[in-house]
Amino acid sequence: MGQSLREELGRIMGTDLEVLAEKVHRRHLTAPLLLMLASHSPLTFVAGQLLYALEPLGLLLGWEGAHRWAALLSAPDASTRLTTLFSQPSKTSPSSFTQVE
């Protein structure tokens, strides 16, 4: 029960989601991403099921991560978990409120 959200999602997704979170925080795109997640949250289950259906095509094209993304997006609380993950400050990127001397 003491497992953090990052560790749990990292176990499911590997490093894909962590890399995406780092890129979003580094480019200061957290607010647009959270807005997109909130507005598209009813479609996360549909997107996950679509990824399951398109997984064989993805394998033919060399993308092996479709099953992990489909499992994540098909979870009932997927949009809440993703919103929580992207709302947390990044571990490695500096704060956007640091003073420049």
C-alpha atoms as a PDB file:
ATOM      1  CA  MET A   1       0.000   0.000   0.000  1.00  0.00           C
ATOM      2  CA  GLY A   2       2.964   2.311   0.561  1.00  0.00           C
ATOM      3  CA  GLN A   3       3.857   2.199  -3.124  1.00  0.00           C
ATOM      4  CA  SER A   4       3.900   5.616  -4.775  1.00  0.00           C
ATOM      5  CA  LEU A   5       1.972   6.404  -7.946  1.00  0.00           C
ATOM      6  CA  ARG A   6       5.193   6.850  -9.932  1.00  0.00           C
ATOM      7  CA  GLU A   7       6.450   3.427  -8.826  1.00  0.00           C
ATOM      8  CA  GLU A   8       3.137   1.750  -9.637  1.00  0.00           C
ATOM      9  CA  LEU A   9       2.840   3.330 -13.076  1.00  0.00           C
ATOM     10  CA  GLY A  10       6.541   2.697 -13.668  1.00  0.00           C
ATOM     11  CA  ARG A  11       5.949  -1.001 -13.001  1.00  0.00           C
ATOM     12  CA  ILE A  12       3.138  -1.040 -15.585  1.00  0.00           C
ATOM     13  CA  MET A  13       4.675   1.208 -18.216  1.00  0.00           C
ATOM     14  CA  GLY A  14       8.407   0.821 -17.763  1.00  0.00           C
ATOM     15  CA  THR A  15      10.259   4.045 -18.436  1.00  0.00           C
ATOM     16  CA  ASP A  16       7.979   5.337 -21.213  1.00  0.00           C
ATOM     17  CA  LEU A  17       5.701   7.270 -18.897  1.00  0.00           C
ATOM     18  CA  GLU A  18       8.543   8.646 -16.780  1.00  0.00           C
ATOM     19  CA  VAL A  19      10.346   9.920 -19.885  1.00  0.00           C
ATOM     20  CA  LEU A  20       7.123  11.538 -21.102  1.00  0.00           C
ATOM     21  CA  ALA A  21       6.571  13.195 -17.713  1.00  0.00           C
ATOM     22  CA  GLU A  22      10.126  14.552 -17.692  1.00  0.00           C
ATOM     23  CA  LYS A  23       9.763  15.993 -21.213  1.00  0.00           C
ATOM     24  CA  VAL A  24       6.445  17.631 -20.336  1.00  0.00           C
ATOM     25  CA  HIS A  25       7.869  19.230 -17.185  1.00  0.00           C
ATOM     26  CA  ARG A  26      11.084  20.311 -18.925  1.00  0.00           C
ATOM     27  CA  ARG A  27       9.140  22.072 -21.689  1.00  0.00           C
ATOM     28  CA  HIS A  28       6.664  23.629 -19.209  1.00  0.00           C
ATOM     29  CA  LEU A  29       3.688  21.980 -20.917  1.00  0.00           C
ATOM     30  CA  THR A  30       2.073  20.675 -17.737  1.00  0.00           C
ATOM     31  CA  ALA A  31      -0.960  22.992 -17.865  1.00  0.00           C
ATOM     32  CA  PRO A  32      -1.870  22.225 -21.507  1.00  0.00           C
ATOM     33  CA  LEU A  33      -1.426  18.502 -20.887  1.00  0.00           C
ATOM     34  CA  LEU A  34      -3.647  18.590 -17.785  1.00  0.00           C
ATOM     35  CA  LEU A  35      -6.283  20.522 -19.733  1.00  0.00           C
ATOM     36  CA  MET A  36      -6.154  17.943 -22.519  1.00  0.00           C
ATOM     37  CA  LEU A  37      -6.397  15.056 -20.044  1.00  0.00           C
ATOM     38  CA  ALA A  38      -9.389  16.647 -18.313  1.00  0.00           C
ATOM     39  CA  SER A  39     -11.237  17.323 -21.537  1.00  0.00           C
ATOM     40  CA  HIS A  40     -10.558  13.874 -23.017  1.00  0.00           C
ATOM     41  CA  SER A  41     -11.000  11.783 -19.872  1.00  0.00           C
ATOM     42  CA  PRO A  42     -14.255  10.162 -21.077  1.00  0.00           C
ATOM     43  CA  LEU A  43     -12.354   8.826 -24.095  1.00  0.00           C
ATOM     44  CA  THR A  44      -9.468   7.139 -22.249  1.00  0.00           C
ATOM     45  CA  PHE A  45     -11.218   3.763 -22.135  1.00  0.00           C
ATOM     46  CA  VAL A  46     -12.067   3.959 -25.840  1.00  0.00           C
ATOM     47  CA  ALA A  47      -8.468   4.892 -26.651  1.00  0.00           C
ATOM     48  CA  GLY A  48      -7.202   1.925 -24.644  1.00  0.00           C
ATOM     49  CA  GLN A  49      -9.529  -0.474 -26.423  1.00  0.00           C
ATOM     50  CA  LEU A  50      -8.505   0.984 -29.785  1.00  0.00           C
ATOM     51  CA  LEU A  51      -4.863   0.372 -28.907  1.00  0.00           C
ATOM     52  CA  TYR A  52      -5.683  -3.246 -28.084  1.00  0.00           C
ATOM     53  CA  ALA A  53      -7.306  -3.600 -31.506  1.00  0.00           C
ATOM     54  CA  LEU A  54      -4.389  -1.939 -33.314  1.00  0.00           C
ATOM     55  CA  GLU A  55      -1.671  -3.747 -31.371  1.00  0.00           C
ATOM     56  CA  PRO A  56      -0.911  -6.288 -34.154  1.00  0.00           C
ATOM     57  CA  LEU A  57      -0.373  -3.450 -36.619  1.00  0.00           C
ATOM     58  CA  GLY A  58       1.892  -1.712 -34.122  1.00  0.00           C
ATOM     59  CA  LEU A  59       3.967  -4.869 -33.754  1.00  0.00           C
ATOM     60  CA  LEU A  60       4.368  -5.070 -37.525  1.00  0.00           C
ATOM     61  CA  LEU A  61       5.585  -1.466 -37.548  1.00  0.00           C
ATOM     62  CA  GLY A  62       8.007  -2.065 -34.671  1.00  0.00           C
ATOM     63  CA  TRP A  63       6.135  -0.475 -31.753  1.00  0.00           C
ATOM     64  CA  GLU A  64       6.064  -2.905 -28.848  1.00  0.00           C
ATOM     65  CA  GLY A  65       4.593  -0.539 -26.246  1.00  0.00           C
ATOM     66  CA  ALA A  66       0.989  -0.605 -27.442  1.00  0.00           C
ATOM     67  CA  HIS A  67      -0.093  -3.274 -24.973  1.00  0.00           C
ATOM     68  CA  ARG A  68       1.263  -1.331 -21.972  1.00  0.00           C
ATOM     69  CA  TRP A  69      -0.420   1.899 -23.096  1.00  0.00           C
ATOM     70  CA  ALA A  70      -3.665   0.022 -23.757  1.00  0.00           C
ATOM     71  CA  ALA A  71      -3.593  -1.521 -20.269  1.00  0.00           C
ATOM     72  CA  LEU A  72      -2.976   1.872 -18.690  1.00  0.00           C
ATOM     73  CA  LEU A  73      -5.682   3.683 -20.641  1.00  0.00           C
ATOM     74  CA  SER A  74      -8.253   0.903 -20.175  1.00  0.00           C
ATOM     75  CA  ALA A  75      -8.038   1.085 -16.382  1.00  0.00           C
ATOM     76  CA  PRO A  76     -11.142   2.664 -14.791  1.00  0.00           C
ATOM     77  CA  ASP A  77      -9.086   5.326 -13.012  1.00  0.00           C
ATOM     78  CA  ALA A  78      -6.655   6.021 -15.861  1.00  0.00           C
ATOM     79  CA  SER A  79      -7.361   9.737 -16.291  1.00  0.00           C
ATOM     80  CA  THR A  80      -7.145  10.340 -12.523  1.00  0.00           C
ATOM     81  CA  ARG A  81      -3.836   8.480 -12.288  1.00  0.00           C
ATOM     82  CA  LEU A  82      -2.336  10.311 -15.257  1.00  0.00           C
ATOM     83  CA  THR A  83      -3.535  13.682 -13.966  1.00  0.00           C
ATOM     84  CA  THR A  84      -1.976  12.948 -10.577  1.00  0.00           C
ATOM     85  CA  LEU A  85       1.294  11.868 -12.163  1.00  0.00           C
ATOM     86  CA  PHE A  86       1.631  14.929 -14.368  1.00  0.00           C
ATOM     87  CA  SER A  87       0.543  17.282 -11.569  1.00  0.00           C
ATOM     88  CA  GLN A  88       3.462  16.213  -9.396  1.00  0.00           C
ATOM     89  CA  PRO A  89       6.647  18.228  -9.789  1.00  0.00           C
ATOM     90  CA  SER A  90       9.420  16.520 -11.683  1.00  0.00           C
ATOM     91  CA  LYS A  91      12.247  14.959  -9.703  1.00  0.00           C
ATOM     92  CA  THR A  92      15.081  16.099 -11.947  1.00  0.00           C
ATOM     93  CA  SER A  93      13.913  19.316 -13.547  1.00  0.00           C
ATOM     94  CA  PRO A  94      14.455  22.534 -11.619  1.00  0.00           C
ATOM     95  CA  SER A  95      11.537  24.503 -10.293  1.00  0.00           C
ATOM     96  CA  SER A  96      10.069  27.081 -12.645  1.00  0.00           C
ATOM     97  CA  PHE A  97      10.197  29.619  -9.814  1.00  0.00           C
ATOM     98  CA  THR A  98      13.946  29.602  -9.273  1.00  0.00           C
ATOM     99  CA  GLN A  99      15.640  32.970  -9.259  1.00  0.00           C
ATOM    100  CA  VAL A 100      18.192  33.796 -11.893  1.00  0.00           C
ATOM    101  CA  GLU A 101      21.079  35.850 -10.597  1.00  0.00           C
END
